[in-house]
Amino acid sequence: MTMNIRLTTIGMVLGTISSLVLAGGTAPAPAKSPTPSAATLPVAAPAPAGPDAEAGSAAYDAGDYDKARRIWQPLAEKGDVRAQRGMGKLYEKGRGVERDFAMAFKWYRPAAEKGDAESQYRLSVGYGYGLGGVKKDEAKAMEWLRKAAENGQKRAQRSLAKGYEDGLNGLPRDPEKAKYWYDRSRTRE
């Protein structure tokens, strides 16, 4: 009840001040309080927004890999998942940087650990083929493949389906699981 009275009073005061200002009058000076409240503190203007990961993607898609790297790297270092994935892609493909699978892994791993399906898939491929100085590890490849598939990465879903269909990569032949993953790979998520 007390809160409603306060809100009503504040609304009436603001309405009166607005009316005076709009009519060309002056608003009464606020009462001095010993400590500033949230209502009397100056509001800082929002910081200008810098380029985001999407701007890096646009630069990458336009073939301006150096610009993509300049945009993505500071964002990736601050933990932006899309930028981390982008940096991994630059190094994996050797676009604007020397191809370096170890550096690709450096960037894919934190994004994958945060649930980025594409980065999880790329780690799976890396472990599956032993890229970037990483020892080939079928179990880790399958662990990342499963995570990527569960998170909606279509190629991972098809790879998992094929593994169950043919009994590949340490998976048992399981037509039901193969069908499940093939079906998921065909749906929009």
Protein backbone atom coordinates (compact mmCIF):
# COMPACT_ATOMS: atom_id res chain seq x y z
CA MET A 1 0.00 0.00 0.00
CA THR A 2 2.80 2.41 0.93
CA MET A 3 4.55 1.58 -2.36
CA ASN A 4 1.38 2.43 -4.34
CA ILE A 5 1.08 5.78 -2.55
CA ARG A 6 4.75 6.56 -3.32
CA LEU A 7 4.36 5.63 -6.98
CA THR A 8 1.18 7.69 -7.27
CA THR A 9 2.88 10.68 -5.64
CA ILE A 10 5.93 10.37 -7.89
CA GLY A 11 3.64 10.14 -10.94
CA MET A 12 1.74 13.28 -9.89
CA VAL A 13 4.96 15.24 -9.29
CA LEU A 14 6.42 14.20 -12.63
CA GLY A 15 3.14 15.07 -14.36
CA THR A 16 3.13 18.54 -12.78
CA ILE A 17 6.77 19.16 -13.70
CA SER A 18 6.16 18.01 -17.28
CA SER A 19 3.13 20.29 -17.57
CA LEU A 20 5.09 23.29 -16.29
CA VAL A 21 8.01 22.67 -18.60
CA LEU A 22 5.76 22.16 -21.62
CA ALA A 23 3.82 25.34 -20.79
CA GLY A 24 7.06 27.33 -20.64
CA GLY A 25 7.29 27.47 -16.87
CA THR A 26 10.14 26.22 -14.81
CA ALA A 27 10.25 23.10 -12.79
CA PRO A 28 10.79 23.44 -9.07
CA ALA A 29 14.29 22.65 -7.89
CA PRO A 30 14.52 19.19 -6.37
CA ALA A 31 14.98 19.00 -2.64
CA LYS A 32 18.57 18.47 -1.56
CA SER A 33 19.22 15.09 -0.08
CA PRO A 34 22.30 14.19 1.90
CA THR A 35 23.15 11.26 -0.40
CA PRO A 36 22.25 10.95 -4.04
CA SER A 37 19.61 8.39 -4.90
CA ALA A 38 19.43 6.41 -8.11
CA ALA A 39 16.91 8.94 -9.42
CA THR A 40 19.29 11.89 -8.96
CA LEU A 41 22.49 10.30 -10.26
CA PRO A 42 23.44 11.26 -13.80
CA VAL A 43 22.76 8.57 -16.35
CA ALA A 44 25.75 7.68 -18.47
CA ALA A 45 25.19 7.51 -22.18
CA PRO A 46 25.60 4.02 -23.56
CA ALA A 47 29.04 3.30 -24.93
CA PRO A 48 29.16 3.32 -28.69
CA ALA A 49 28.78 -0.20 -29.98
CA GLY A 50 31.79 -1.60 -31.75
CA PRO A 51 31.63 -4.16 -34.47
CA ASP A 52 30.10 -7.43 -33.42
CA ALA A 53 30.67 -11.00 -34.53
CA GLU A 54 28.11 -10.56 -37.31
CA ALA A 55 30.25 -7.80 -38.83
CA GLY A 56 33.15 -10.26 -38.78
CA SER A 57 30.99 -12.84 -40.54
CA ALA A 58 30.01 -10.29 -43.19
CA ALA A 59 33.68 -9.46 -43.77
CA TYR A 60 34.55 -13.17 -43.97
CA ASP A 61 31.73 -13.83 -46.45
CA ALA A 62 32.95 -10.90 -48.55
CA GLY A 63 36.44 -12.41 -48.63
CA ASP A 64 37.98 -9.71 -46.42
CA TYR A 65 39.61 -12.17 -44.03
CA ASP A 66 41.99 -9.65 -42.50
CA LYS A 67 39.06 -7.43 -41.53
CA ALA A 68 37.19 -10.46 -40.16
CA ARG A 69 40.20 -11.33 -38.01
CA ARG A 70 40.55 -7.74 -36.75
CA ILE A 71 36.88 -7.77 -35.72
CA TRP A 72 36.73 -11.29 -34.32
CA GLN A 73 39.99 -11.52 -32.38
CA PRO A 74 39.23 -8.98 -29.61
CA LEU A 75 35.69 -10.33 -29.32
CA ALA A 76 36.95 -13.91 -29.17
CA GLU A 77 39.47 -12.99 -26.47
CA LYS A 78 36.54 -11.62 -24.43
CA GLY A 79 34.66 -14.90 -24.80
CA ASP A 80 32.26 -14.22 -27.70
CA VAL A 81 31.36 -17.71 -28.95
CA ARG A 82 30.62 -16.67 -32.54
CA ALA A 83 33.92 -14.82 -32.75
CA GLN A 84 35.78 -17.81 -31.28
CA ARG A 85 34.20 -20.04 -33.92
CA GLY A 86 35.14 -17.49 -36.59
CA MET A 87 38.75 -17.40 -35.46
CA GLY A 88 38.85 -21.19 -35.52
CA LYS A 89 37.47 -21.17 -39.05
CA LEU A 90 40.09 -18.65 -40.24
CA TYR A 91 42.93 -20.83 -38.96
CA GLU A 92 41.39 -24.12 -40.05
CA LYS A 93 40.87 -22.90 -43.61
CA GLY A 94 43.98 -20.69 -43.77
CA ARG A 95 41.99 -17.61 -44.70
CA GLY A 96 43.94 -14.41 -44.07
CA VAL A 97 46.27 -16.32 -41.74
CA GLU A 98 48.59 -19.25 -42.17
CA ARG A 99 46.65 -22.51 -41.94
CA ASP A 100 47.20 -23.80 -38.42
CA PHE A 101 45.05 -26.57 -36.99
CA ALA A 102 46.50 -26.11 -33.51
CA MET A 103 45.34 -22.47 -33.51
CA ALA A 104 41.98 -23.54 -34.92
CA PHE A 105 41.60 -25.93 -31.98
CA LYS A 106 42.64 -23.16 -29.58
CA TRP A 107 39.65 -21.11 -30.75
CA TYR A 108 37.13 -23.90 -31.34
CA ARG A 109 37.58 -25.47 -27.91
CA PRO A 110 36.18 -22.64 -25.71
CA ALA A 111 33.25 -22.15 -28.09
CA ALA A 112 32.58 -25.90 -28.10
CA GLU A 113 32.73 -26.03 -24.32
CA LYS A 114 30.07 -23.29 -24.24
CA GLY A 115 27.78 -25.43 -26.40
CA ASP A 116 28.48 -24.12 -29.91
CA ALA A 117 27.45 -27.01 -32.16
CA GLU A 118 29.61 -26.03 -35.15
CA SER A 119 32.73 -25.79 -32.96
CA GLN A 120 31.86 -29.13 -31.37
CA TYR A 121 31.63 -30.66 -34.83
CA ARG A 122 34.97 -29.14 -35.89
CA LEU A 123 36.64 -30.58 -32.75
CA SER A 124 35.13 -33.95 -33.60
CA VAL A 125 36.66 -33.82 -37.07
CA GLY A 126 39.99 -32.75 -35.60
CA TYR A 127 40.08 -35.62 -33.15
CA GLY A 128 38.81 -38.03 -35.79
CA TYR A 129 41.70 -37.23 -38.13
CA GLY A 130 44.33 -36.22 -35.57
CA LEU A 131 44.65 -32.64 -36.84
CA GLY A 132 46.59 -29.78 -35.32
CA GLY A 133 49.07 -31.87 -33.41
CA VAL A 134 46.17 -33.44 -31.55
CA LYS A 135 46.48 -37.19 -31.23
CA LYS A 136 43.82 -39.05 -33.19
CA ASP A 137 41.26 -40.07 -30.59
CA GLU A 138 38.14 -41.90 -31.74
CA ALA A 139 36.47 -41.71 -28.32
CA LYS A 140 36.89 -37.92 -28.10
CA ALA A 141 35.82 -37.55 -31.72
CA MET A 142 32.61 -39.43 -30.96
CA GLU A 143 32.05 -37.47 -27.73
CA TRP A 144 32.21 -34.14 -29.60
CA LEU A 145 30.24 -35.54 -32.54
CA ARG A 146 27.41 -36.61 -30.22
CA LYS A 147 27.38 -33.20 -28.50
CA ALA A 148 27.27 -31.43 -31.86
CA ALA A 149 24.45 -33.71 -33.06
CA GLU A 150 22.47 -33.17 -29.87
CA ASN A 151 22.91 -29.42 -30.32
CA GLY A 152 21.46 -29.53 -33.82
CA GLN A 153 24.52 -29.62 -36.12
CA LYS A 154 23.17 -31.36 -39.23
CA ARG A 155 26.45 -32.85 -40.53
CA ALA A 156 27.08 -34.30 -37.07
CA GLN A 157 23.59 -35.79 -37.04
CA ARG A 158 24.14 -37.40 -40.46
CA SER A 159 27.58 -38.68 -39.42
CA LEU A 160 26.14 -40.19 -36.26
CA ALA A 161 23.31 -41.76 -38.27
CA LYS A 162 25.80 -43.24 -40.74
CA GLY A 163 27.88 -44.55 -37.83
CA TYR A 164 24.87 -46.36 -36.40
CA GLU A 165 23.75 -47.54 -39.82
CA ASP A 166 27.09 -49.13 -40.74
CA GLY A 167 28.56 -49.80 -37.29
CA LEU A 168 31.38 -47.28 -37.77
CA ASN A 169 33.60 -45.38 -35.34
CA GLY A 170 33.05 -47.78 -32.50
CA LEU A 171 29.26 -47.54 -32.70
CA PRO A 172 27.14 -50.68 -32.82
CA ARG A 173 24.88 -51.26 -35.81
CA ASP A 174 21.55 -49.90 -34.71
CA PRO A 175 18.96 -49.21 -37.43
CA GLU A 176 16.60 -47.48 -34.97
CA LYS A 177 19.24 -45.00 -33.80
CA ALA A 178 20.36 -44.49 -37.40
CA LYS A 179 16.79 -43.65 -38.40
CA TYR A 180 16.40 -41.33 -35.40
CA TRP A 181 19.51 -39.31 -36.34
CA TYR A 182 18.70 -39.27 -40.06
CA ASP A 183 15.21 -37.98 -39.22
CA ARG A 184 16.63 -35.29 -36.93
CA SER A 185 19.05 -34.20 -39.63
CA ARG A 186 16.10 -33.53 -41.93
CA THR A 187 14.14 -31.35 -39.50
CA ARG A 188 14.51 -27.66 -38.83
CA GLU A 189 15.47 -26.89 -35.26
